[in-house]
């Protein structure tokens, strides 16, 4: 299936992180479709706040938003056995894998041949590890993973400016119940 109109599927972890990637990809000539799949976010009220912020961001940039199913059990099942892992450990890698795998499935379903993620913009996330996970999954699905380090060229600063200008909700933990526990 051919990639139509230079489309790219951007997995969005949250509006704060996806602001600059959306603007960057649009400026690079992509037709951006944002995919919000984050069953890791806890509790549901937090999930709703982040989803509403993503809706506001996508509306501002005039890009389509795909709101995938919120089923926390998918996350808990996928990270089973890794609950005691520290932040940035194997549990986090499994969580990235779960979400990027779903993004690749969605891209393939829609006939989009390239995908990426906004997770990489965070200074707390390992770009190389996310790239390895994304490329491995892309290969499985016969599509491409765009390994773009959105942190470069002040990307994190730019995404924070966008979020402040739009008055987007700002979370204070990564998202899952285990990251809440770490911050308590």
N, C-alpha and C. Protein backbone atom coordinates (compact mmCIF):
# COMPACT_ATOMS: atom_id res chain seq x y z
N UNK A 1 0.85 -1.19 0.00
CA UNK A 1 0.00 0.00 0.00
C UNK A 1 0.88 1.24 0.00
N UNK A 2 0.60 2.19 -0.86
CA UNK A 2 1.40 3.40 -0.97
C UNK A 2 1.05 4.41 0.12
N UNK A 3 2.06 5.12 0.57
CA UNK A 3 1.85 6.18 1.55
C UNK A 3 1.25 7.39 0.82
N UNK A 4 0.06 7.76 1.19
CA UNK A 4 -0.65 8.85 0.51
C UNK A 4 -0.30 10.22 1.12
N UNK A 5 -0.06 11.21 0.27
CA UNK A 5 0.10 12.61 0.71
C UNK A 5 1.18 12.81 1.76
N UNK A 6 2.24 12.01 1.73
CA UNK A 6 3.34 12.18 2.68
C UNK A 6 2.85 12.11 4.13
N UNK A 7 1.96 11.20 4.40
CA UNK A 7 1.40 11.06 5.75
C UNK A 7 2.39 10.41 6.70
N UNK A 8 2.33 10.85 7.95
CA UNK A 8 3.10 10.24 9.02
C UNK A 8 2.20 10.11 10.24
N UNK A 9 2.31 9.00 10.93
CA UNK A 9 1.56 8.80 12.16
C UNK A 9 2.51 9.11 13.32
N UNK A 10 2.11 10.06 14.13
CA UNK A 10 2.89 10.46 15.31
C UNK A 10 2.21 9.91 16.55
N UNK A 11 2.86 8.95 17.21
CA UNK A 11 2.33 8.51 18.50
C UNK A 11 2.58 9.63 19.49
N UNK A 12 1.54 10.08 20.19
CA UNK A 12 1.66 11.16 21.16
C UNK A 12 1.49 10.61 22.57
N UNK A 13 2.50 10.85 23.39
CA UNK A 13 2.40 10.43 24.79
C UNK A 13 1.61 11.46 25.59
N UNK A 14 1.74 12.73 25.20
CA UNK A 14 0.99 13.81 25.85
C UNK A 14 1.12 15.06 24.99
N UNK A 15 0.29 16.05 25.24
CA UNK A 15 0.31 17.28 24.44
C UNK A 15 1.59 18.08 24.67
N UNK A 16 2.09 18.08 25.89
CA UNK A 16 3.32 18.82 26.17
C UNK A 16 4.44 18.32 25.26
N UNK A 17 4.60 17.02 25.19
CA UNK A 17 5.67 16.43 24.39
C UNK A 17 5.40 16.48 22.89
N UNK A 18 4.17 16.51 22.47
CA UNK A 18 3.89 16.43 21.03
C UNK A 18 3.76 17.78 20.33
N UNK A 19 3.75 18.88 21.07
CA UNK A 19 3.61 20.19 20.44
C UNK A 19 4.66 20.47 19.39
N UNK A 20 5.92 20.41 19.78
CA UNK A 20 6.99 20.68 18.81
C UNK A 20 7.08 19.61 17.73
N UNK A 21 7.00 18.32 18.05
CA UNK A 21 7.03 17.33 16.97
C UNK A 21 5.96 17.55 15.90
N UNK A 22 4.75 17.93 16.30
CA UNK A 22 3.71 18.20 15.31
C UNK A 22 4.13 19.36 14.43
N UNK A 23 4.59 20.45 15.03
CA UNK A 23 4.97 21.62 14.22
C UNK A 23 6.19 21.31 13.35
N UNK A 24 7.14 20.59 13.89
CA UNK A 24 8.36 20.21 13.14
C UNK A 24 7.98 19.36 11.91
N UNK A 25 7.17 18.33 12.14
CA UNK A 25 6.80 17.43 11.05
C UNK A 25 5.98 18.15 9.98
N UNK A 26 5.09 19.04 10.41
CA UNK A 26 4.32 19.83 9.44
C UNK A 26 5.25 20.70 8.60
N UNK A 27 6.20 21.37 9.25
CA UNK A 27 7.15 22.21 8.53
C UNK A 27 8.03 21.39 7.59
N UNK A 28 8.27 20.13 7.94
CA UNK A 28 9.07 19.24 7.09
C UNK A 28 8.25 18.70 5.91
N UNK A 29 6.97 19.07 5.82
CA UNK A 29 6.15 18.68 4.69
C UNK A 29 5.29 17.45 4.88
N UNK A 30 5.25 16.94 6.10
CA UNK A 30 4.40 15.78 6.37
C UNK A 30 2.97 16.19 6.64
N UNK A 31 2.07 15.31 6.28
CA UNK A 31 0.68 15.40 6.69
C UNK A 31 0.59 14.56 7.97
N UNK A 32 0.46 15.23 9.12
CA UNK A 32 0.57 14.57 10.42
C UNK A 32 -0.77 14.06 10.92
N UNK A 33 -0.77 12.82 11.33
CA UNK A 33 -1.92 12.23 12.00
C UNK A 33 -1.42 11.81 13.38
N UNK A 34 -2.03 12.36 14.41
CA UNK A 34 -1.61 12.08 15.78
C UNK A 34 -2.40 10.89 16.31
N UNK A 35 -1.68 9.99 16.95
CA UNK A 35 -2.27 8.78 17.52
C UNK A 35 -2.07 8.79 19.03
N UNK A 36 -3.16 8.82 19.77
CA UNK A 36 -3.11 8.86 21.23
C UNK A 36 -3.48 7.49 21.76
N UNK A 37 -2.45 6.72 22.10
CA UNK A 37 -2.65 5.38 22.69
C UNK A 37 -1.73 5.29 23.89
N UNK A 38 -2.31 5.36 25.08
CA UNK A 38 -1.54 5.40 26.32
C UNK A 38 -2.29 4.69 27.45
N UNK A 39 -2.40 3.36 27.36
CA UNK A 39 -3.12 2.62 28.40
C UNK A 39 -2.36 2.60 29.73
N UNK A 40 -1.14 3.09 29.71
CA UNK A 40 -0.30 3.15 30.91
C UNK A 40 -0.71 4.27 31.87
N UNK A 41 -1.41 5.27 31.37
CA UNK A 41 -1.71 6.44 32.19
C UNK A 41 -2.71 6.10 33.29
N UNK A 42 -2.37 6.54 34.48
CA UNK A 42 -3.17 6.24 35.68
C UNK A 42 -3.25 7.48 36.55
N UNK A 43 -4.39 7.75 37.13
CA UNK A 43 -5.69 7.11 36.99
C UNK A 43 -6.44 7.63 35.76
N UNK A 44 -7.67 7.18 35.57
CA UNK A 44 -8.45 7.57 34.39
C UNK A 44 -8.64 9.09 34.31
N UNK A 45 -8.74 9.75 35.47
CA UNK A 45 -8.89 11.22 35.45
C UNK A 45 -7.66 11.89 34.84
N UNK A 46 -6.50 11.33 35.11
CA UNK A 46 -5.25 11.84 34.52
C UNK A 46 -5.24 11.60 33.01
N UNK A 47 -5.70 10.43 32.63
CA UNK A 47 -5.79 10.09 31.22
C UNK A 47 -6.67 11.12 30.48
N UNK A 48 -7.82 11.41 31.06
CA UNK A 48 -8.74 12.36 30.44
C UNK A 48 -8.12 13.76 30.31
N UNK A 49 -7.41 14.20 31.32
CA UNK A 49 -6.75 15.52 31.26
C UNK A 49 -5.74 15.55 30.12
N UNK A 50 -4.96 14.49 29.98
CA UNK A 50 -3.95 14.45 28.92
C UNK A 50 -4.59 14.34 27.54
N UNK A 51 -5.66 13.57 27.44
CA UNK A 51 -6.35 13.45 26.16
C UNK A 51 -6.98 14.78 25.76
N UNK A 52 -7.61 15.46 26.71
CA UNK A 52 -8.21 16.77 26.40
C UNK A 52 -7.16 17.78 25.95
N UNK A 53 -5.99 17.75 26.57
CA UNK A 53 -4.90 18.64 26.15
C UNK A 53 -4.45 18.30 24.74
N UNK A 54 -4.40 17.02 24.43
CA UNK A 54 -3.99 16.59 23.07
C UNK A 54 -5.03 17.04 22.05
N UNK A 55 -6.30 16.96 22.40
CA UNK A 55 -7.36 17.44 21.50
C UNK A 55 -7.17 18.92 21.19
N UNK A 56 -6.88 19.70 22.23
CA UNK A 56 -6.67 21.14 22.08
C UNK A 56 -5.48 21.42 21.17
N UNK A 57 -4.39 20.70 21.38
CA UNK A 57 -3.19 20.88 20.58
C UNK A 57 -3.46 20.54 19.10
N UNK A 58 -4.09 19.40 18.86
CA UNK A 58 -4.36 18.99 17.49
C UNK A 58 -5.30 19.96 16.78
N UNK A 59 -6.27 20.46 17.50
CA UNK A 59 -7.18 21.47 16.95
C UNK A 59 -6.39 22.72 16.56
N UNK A 60 -5.49 23.15 17.44
CA UNK A 60 -4.67 24.34 17.17
C UNK A 60 -3.85 24.17 15.89
N UNK A 61 -3.26 22.99 15.69
CA UNK A 61 -2.42 22.76 14.53
C UNK A 61 -3.19 22.24 13.31
N UNK A 62 -4.49 21.97 13.48
CA UNK A 62 -5.30 21.50 12.37
C UNK A 62 -4.89 20.13 11.87
N UNK A 63 -4.55 19.24 12.82
CA UNK A 63 -4.18 17.88 12.44
C UNK A 63 -5.20 16.90 13.02
N UNK A 64 -5.33 15.78 12.34
CA UNK A 64 -6.25 14.74 12.79
C UNK A 64 -5.70 14.04 14.03
N UNK A 65 -6.60 13.67 14.91
CA UNK A 65 -6.26 12.94 16.12
C UNK A 65 -7.03 11.64 16.15
N UNK A 66 -6.31 10.54 16.29
CA UNK A 66 -6.93 9.24 16.48
C UNK A 66 -6.85 8.92 17.96
N UNK A 67 -8.01 8.80 18.58
CA UNK A 67 -8.09 8.47 20.00
C UNK A 67 -8.30 6.96 20.11
N UNK A 68 -7.25 6.27 20.47
CA UNK A 68 -7.33 4.82 20.57
C UNK A 68 -7.97 4.44 21.90
N UNK A 69 -8.29 3.17 22.04
CA UNK A 69 -8.95 2.65 23.22
C UNK A 69 -8.07 2.80 24.48
N UNK A 70 -8.72 3.15 25.56
CA UNK A 70 -8.04 3.22 26.86
C UNK A 70 -8.40 1.98 27.65
N UNK A 71 -7.44 1.07 27.75
CA UNK A 71 -7.66 -0.16 28.50
C UNK A 71 -6.40 -0.42 29.34
N UNK A 72 -6.38 0.05 30.58
CA UNK A 72 -5.20 -0.12 31.44
C UNK A 72 -4.77 -1.58 31.61
N UNK A 73 -5.71 -2.51 31.47
CA UNK A 73 -5.35 -3.92 31.61
C UNK A 73 -4.34 -4.34 30.54
N UNK A 74 -4.40 -3.72 29.35
CA UNK A 74 -3.41 -4.01 28.31
C UNK A 74 -2.01 -3.70 28.82
N UNK A 75 -1.88 -2.55 29.47
CA UNK A 75 -0.59 -2.14 30.02
C UNK A 75 -0.13 -3.10 31.12
N UNK A 76 -1.00 -3.38 32.08
CA UNK A 76 -0.61 -4.24 33.20
C UNK A 76 -0.23 -5.65 32.73
N UNK A 77 -0.94 -6.15 31.75
CA UNK A 77 -0.62 -7.47 31.20
C UNK A 77 0.74 -7.45 30.50
N UNK A 78 1.02 -6.39 29.75
CA UNK A 78 2.26 -6.29 28.97
C UNK A 78 3.49 -6.15 29.85
N UNK A 79 3.35 -5.47 30.99
CA UNK A 79 4.50 -5.25 31.87
C UNK A 79 4.55 -6.25 33.04
N UNK A 80 3.67 -7.25 32.99
CA UNK A 80 3.61 -8.24 34.06
C UNK A 80 4.99 -8.87 34.28
N UNK A 81 5.39 -8.90 35.54
CA UNK A 81 6.69 -9.43 35.90
C UNK A 81 7.77 -8.36 36.00
N UNK A 82 7.44 -7.16 35.54
CA UNK A 82 8.41 -6.05 35.56
C UNK A 82 7.96 -4.92 36.48
N UNK A 83 6.96 -5.18 37.30
CA UNK A 83 6.39 -4.13 38.15
C UNK A 83 7.42 -3.52 39.10
N UNK A 84 8.36 -4.29 39.58
CA UNK A 84 9.34 -3.80 40.56
C UNK A 84 10.55 -3.13 39.92
N UNK A 85 10.58 -3.10 38.61
CA UNK A 85 11.70 -2.46 37.91
C UNK A 85 11.76 -0.97 38.24
N UNK A 86 12.96 -0.40 38.26
CA UNK A 86 13.07 1.04 38.50
C UNK A 86 12.64 1.84 37.28
N UNK A 87 12.36 3.12 37.47
CA UNK A 87 12.09 4.00 36.34
C UNK A 87 13.28 3.94 35.38
N UNK A 88 12.99 3.98 34.09
CA UNK A 88 13.98 3.87 33.01
C UNK A 88 14.50 2.45 32.85
N UNK A 89 13.87 1.50 33.53
CA UNK A 89 14.28 0.10 33.44
C UNK A 89 13.49 -0.67 32.39
N UNK A 90 13.50 -1.98 32.53
CA UNK A 90 12.85 -2.85 31.54
C UNK A 90 11.34 -2.67 31.49
N UNK A 91 10.71 -2.29 32.59
CA UNK A 91 9.26 -2.05 32.55
C UNK A 91 8.95 -0.90 31.59
N UNK A 92 9.74 0.14 31.64
CA UNK A 92 9.54 1.29 30.75
C UNK A 92 9.75 0.88 29.29
N UNK A 93 10.78 0.06 29.04
CA UNK A 93 11.02 -0.42 27.67
C UNK A 93 9.81 -1.21 27.17
N UNK A 94 9.24 -2.03 28.04
CA UNK A 94 8.04 -2.80 27.67
C UNK A 94 6.87 -1.86 27.36
N UNK A 95 6.73 -0.82 28.17
CA UNK A 95 5.65 0.15 27.96
C UNK A 95 5.83 0.86 26.61
N UNK A 96 7.06 1.27 26.30
CA UNK A 96 7.33 1.91 25.00
C UNK A 96 6.99 0.94 23.88
N UNK A 97 7.39 -0.30 24.04
CA UNK A 97 7.14 -1.31 23.03
C UNK A 97 5.64 -1.50 22.80
N UNK A 98 4.88 -1.58 23.86
CA UNK A 98 3.42 -1.73 23.75
C UNK A 98 2.82 -0.58 22.93
N UNK A 99 3.18 0.63 23.27
CA UNK A 99 2.58 1.79 22.61
C UNK A 99 3.07 1.97 21.18
N UNK A 100 4.36 1.73 20.93
CA UNK A 100 4.87 1.85 19.57
C UNK A 100 4.36 0.72 18.68
N UNK A 101 4.17 -0.46 19.25
CA UNK A 101 3.60 -1.57 18.49
C UNK A 101 2.18 -1.23 18.03
N UNK A 102 1.41 -0.65 18.94
CA UNK A 102 0.03 -0.26 18.56
C UNK A 102 0.05 0.84 17.51
N UNK A 103 1.00 1.77 17.62
CA UNK A 103 1.12 2.84 16.62
C UNK A 103 1.46 2.25 15.25
N UNK A 104 2.36 1.29 15.21
CA UNK A 104 2.72 0.64 13.95
C UNK A 104 1.52 -0.10 13.36
N UNK A 105 0.76 -0.78 14.22
CA UNK A 105 -0.45 -1.48 13.76
C UNK A 105 -1.43 -0.48 13.15
N UNK A 106 -1.61 0.65 13.84
CA UNK A 106 -2.56 1.66 13.37
C UNK A 106 -2.08 2.26 12.05
N UNK A 107 -0.79 2.56 11.95
CA UNK A 107 -0.25 3.10 10.70
C UNK A 107 -0.48 2.12 9.55
N UNK A 108 -0.16 0.88 9.77
CA UNK A 108 -0.34 -0.16 8.74
C UNK A 108 -1.80 -0.27 8.33
N UNK A 109 -2.68 -0.26 9.33
CA UNK A 109 -4.13 -0.32 9.11
C UNK A 109 -4.60 0.83 8.20
N UNK A 110 -4.01 2.01 8.39
CA UNK A 110 -4.42 3.21 7.66
C UNK A 110 -3.65 3.41 6.35
N UNK A 111 -2.72 2.51 6.06
CA UNK A 111 -1.93 2.64 4.83
C UNK A 111 -0.87 3.72 4.93
N UNK A 112 -0.45 4.02 6.14
CA UNK A 112 0.61 5.01 6.37
C UNK A 112 1.91 4.24 6.57
N UNK A 113 2.92 4.59 5.80
CA UNK A 113 4.15 3.80 5.79
C UNK A 113 5.23 4.28 6.74
N UNK A 114 4.96 5.31 7.51
CA UNK A 114 5.99 5.84 8.40
C UNK A 114 5.34 6.32 9.71
N UNK A 115 6.02 6.04 10.81
CA UNK A 115 5.52 6.49 12.11
C UNK A 115 6.70 6.90 12.98
N UNK A 116 6.38 7.63 14.04
CA UNK A 116 7.36 8.07 15.01
C UNK A 116 6.64 8.33 16.33
N UNK A 117 7.37 8.83 17.31
CA UNK A 117 6.76 9.09 18.61
C UNK A 117 7.26 10.39 19.21
N UNK A 118 6.41 11.03 19.99
CA UNK A 118 6.79 12.25 20.70
C UNK A 118 7.54 11.95 21.99
N UNK A 119 7.54 10.70 22.43
CA UNK A 119 8.20 10.33 23.69
C UNK A 119 9.66 10.78 23.70
N UNK A 120 10.29 10.73 22.52
CA UNK A 120 11.73 11.01 22.44
C UNK A 120 12.11 12.45 22.78
N UNK A 121 11.14 13.36 22.84
CA UNK A 121 11.47 14.75 23.15
C UNK A 121 11.83 14.95 24.62
N UNK A 122 11.40 14.06 25.46
CA UNK A 122 11.68 14.20 26.89
C UNK A 122 13.16 13.99 27.18
N UNK A 123 13.75 14.89 27.96
CA UNK A 123 15.15 14.70 28.35
C UNK A 123 15.33 13.50 29.30
N UNK A 124 14.22 12.97 29.77
CA UNK A 124 14.25 11.82 30.69
C UNK A 124 14.18 10.48 29.95
N UNK A 125 14.02 10.53 28.64
CA UNK A 125 13.87 9.31 27.85
C UNK A 125 15.11 9.09 26.97
N UNK A 126 15.43 7.82 26.75
CA UNK A 126 16.61 7.43 26.00
C UNK A 126 16.27 7.31 24.51
N UNK A 127 16.76 8.28 23.73
CA UNK A 127 16.48 8.32 22.29
C UNK A 127 16.93 7.03 21.60
N UNK A 128 18.14 6.57 21.90
CA UNK A 128 18.67 5.38 21.24
C UNK A 128 17.83 4.15 21.54
N UNK A 129 17.41 3.99 22.78
CA UNK A 129 16.58 2.84 23.17
C UNK A 129 15.23 2.89 22.44
N UNK A 130 14.61 4.07 22.41
CA UNK A 130 13.33 4.21 21.71
C UNK A 130 13.48 3.95 20.21
N UNK A 131 14.60 4.40 19.65
CA UNK A 131 14.86 4.17 18.23
C UNK A 131 14.99 2.67 17.95
N UNK A 132 15.72 1.96 18.78
CA UNK A 132 15.87 0.51 18.61
C UNK A 132 14.51 -0.19 18.66
N UNK A 133 13.70 0.19 19.62
CA UNK A 133 12.36 -0.42 19.76
C UNK A 133 11.52 -0.08 18.53
N UNK A 134 11.48 1.20 18.15
CA UNK A 134 10.68 1.63 17.00
C UNK A 134 11.10 0.97 15.70
N UNK A 135 12.41 0.87 15.46
CA UNK A 135 12.89 0.27 14.22
C UNK A 135 12.61 -1.23 14.16
N UNK A 136 12.74 -1.90 15.30
CA UNK A 136 12.45 -3.34 15.35
C UNK A 136 10.98 -3.59 15.02
N UNK A 137 10.11 -2.80 15.60
CA UNK A 137 8.67 -2.95 15.35
C UNK A 137 8.34 -2.58 13.91
N UNK A 138 8.92 -1.51 13.41
CA UNK A 138 8.67 -1.09 12.02
C UNK A 138 9.04 -2.21 11.05
N UNK A 139 10.15 -2.86 11.31
CA UNK A 139 10.59 -3.97 10.46
C UNK A 139 9.56 -5.10 10.47
N UNK A 140 9.02 -5.40 11.64
CA UNK A 140 8.00 -6.45 11.77
C UNK A 140 6.77 -6.13 10.93
N UNK A 141 6.42 -4.84 10.85
CA UNK A 141 5.21 -4.43 10.14
C UNK A 141 5.46 -3.99 8.70
N UNK A 142 6.72 -4.01 8.28
CA UNK A 142 7.04 -3.64 6.91
C UNK A 142 6.82 -2.16 6.62
N UNK A 143 7.03 -1.33 7.65
CA UNK A 143 6.92 0.12 7.48
C UNK A 143 8.19 0.76 8.02
N UNK A 144 8.23 2.08 8.05
CA UNK A 144 9.42 2.80 8.48
C UNK A 144 9.17 3.51 9.81
N UNK A 145 10.19 3.52 10.64
CA UNK A 145 10.16 4.31 11.88
C UNK A 145 11.08 5.51 11.66
N UNK A 146 10.56 6.71 11.82
CA UNK A 146 11.36 7.92 11.70
C UNK A 146 12.07 8.16 13.02
N UNK A 147 13.38 7.98 13.03
CA UNK A 147 14.19 8.18 14.23
C UNK A 147 14.61 9.65 14.28
N UNK A 148 13.70 10.48 14.74
CA UNK A 148 13.95 11.92 14.82
C UNK A 148 14.06 12.31 16.29
N UNK A 149 15.22 12.81 16.68
CA UNK A 149 15.41 13.25 18.06
C UNK A 149 14.89 14.67 18.18
N UNK A 150 13.64 14.80 18.56
CA UNK A 150 12.98 16.10 18.64
C UNK A 150 13.58 17.01 19.70
N UNK A 151 14.44 16.47 20.58
CA UNK A 151 15.11 17.31 21.60
C UNK A 151 16.13 18.25 20.95
N UNK A 152 16.70 17.83 19.83
CA UNK A 152 17.75 18.59 19.17
C UNK A 152 17.24 19.97 18.76
N UNK A 153 18.16 20.90 18.62
CA UNK A 153 17.84 22.27 18.20
C UNK A 153 16.77 22.90 19.08
N UNK A 154 16.94 22.74 20.40
CA UNK A 154 16.04 23.33 21.40
C UNK A 154 14.61 22.83 21.32
N UNK A 155 14.42 21.61 20.85
CA UNK A 155 13.07 21.05 20.71
C UNK A 155 12.29 21.01 22.01
N UNK A 156 12.97 20.65 23.09
CA UNK A 156 12.27 20.57 24.37
C UNK A 156 11.83 21.97 24.81
N UNK A 157 12.68 22.96 24.61
CA UNK A 157 12.34 24.35 24.92
C UNK A 157 11.16 24.82 24.05
N UNK A 158 11.21 24.48 22.78
CA UNK A 158 10.14 24.87 21.85
C UNK A 158 8.81 24.21 22.21
N UNK A 159 8.85 22.95 22.59
CA UNK A 159 7.60 22.27 22.94
C UNK A 159 7.01 22.86 24.22
N UNK A 160 7.87 23.26 25.14
CA UNK A 160 7.38 23.91 26.36
C UNK A 160 6.78 25.28 26.06
N UNK A 161 7.36 26.02 25.14
CA UNK A 161 6.79 27.32 24.73
C UNK A 161 5.39 27.13 24.14
N UNK A 162 5.27 26.16 23.25
CA UNK A 162 3.97 25.87 22.63
C UNK A 162 2.94 25.54 23.70
N UNK A 163 3.31 24.69 24.65
CA UNK A 163 2.36 24.28 25.69
C UNK A 163 1.95 25.45 26.57
N UNK A 164 2.88 26.36 26.85
CA UNK A 164 2.55 27.55 27.65
C UNK A 164 1.63 28.49 26.88
N UNK A 165 1.94 28.71 25.59
CA UNK A 165 1.10 29.58 24.76
C UNK A 165 -0.33 29.07 24.68
N UNK A 166 -0.48 27.75 24.59
CA UNK A 166 -1.81 27.15 24.46
C UNK A 166 -2.44 26.82 25.81
N UNK A 167 -1.69 27.08 26.88
CA UNK A 167 -2.15 26.78 28.25
C UNK A 167 -2.59 25.32 28.38
N UNK A 168 -1.73 24.44 27.92
CA UNK A 168 -2.02 23.01 27.98
C UNK A 168 -1.77 22.46 29.38
N UNK A 169 -2.51 21.45 29.71
CA UNK A 169 -2.34 20.76 30.99
C UNK A 169 -0.93 20.20 31.06
N UNK A 170 -0.26 20.40 32.20
CA UNK A 170 1.10 19.90 32.41
C UNK A 170 1.09 18.89 33.55
N UNK A 171 1.45 17.67 33.23
CA UNK A 171 1.51 16.61 34.23
C UNK A 171 2.83 16.68 34.98
N UNK A 172 2.89 15.98 36.12
CA UNK A 172 4.13 16.00 36.91
C UNK A 172 4.71 14.60 37.14
N UNK A 173 4.28 13.63 36.33
CA UNK A 173 4.86 12.29 36.36
C UNK A 173 4.66 11.66 35.00
N UNK A 174 5.44 10.63 34.72
CA UNK A 174 5.42 10.01 33.40
C UNK A 174 4.03 9.53 33.02
N UNK A 175 3.36 8.83 33.92
CA UNK A 175 2.01 8.41 33.59
C UNK A 175 1.48 7.19 34.31
N UNK A 176 2.33 6.20 34.51
CA UNK A 176 1.80 4.96 35.10
C UNK A 176 1.79 5.01 36.63
N UNK A 177 1.10 4.07 37.21
CA UNK A 177 0.99 3.98 38.66
C UNK A 177 2.36 3.82 39.31
N UNK A 178 3.28 3.17 38.59
CA UNK A 178 4.62 2.96 39.14
C UNK A 178 5.42 4.26 39.17
N UNK A 179 5.20 5.13 38.20
CA UNK A 179 5.92 6.43 38.22
C UNK A 179 5.33 7.36 39.26
N UNK A 180 4.06 7.19 39.60
CA UNK A 180 3.48 7.95 40.70
C UNK A 180 4.15 7.53 42.01
N UNK A 181 4.28 6.23 42.17
CA UNK A 181 4.91 5.67 43.35
C UNK A 181 6.33 6.22 43.51
N UNK A 182 7.06 6.34 42.40
CA UNK A 182 8.43 6.86 42.44
C UNK A 182 8.46 8.32 42.91
N UNK A 183 7.44 9.09 42.49
CA UNK A 183 7.41 10.52 42.80
C UNK A 183 6.78 10.83 44.15
N UNK A 184 6.25 9.83 44.83
CA UNK A 184 5.58 10.05 46.12
C UNK A 184 6.57 10.29 47.22
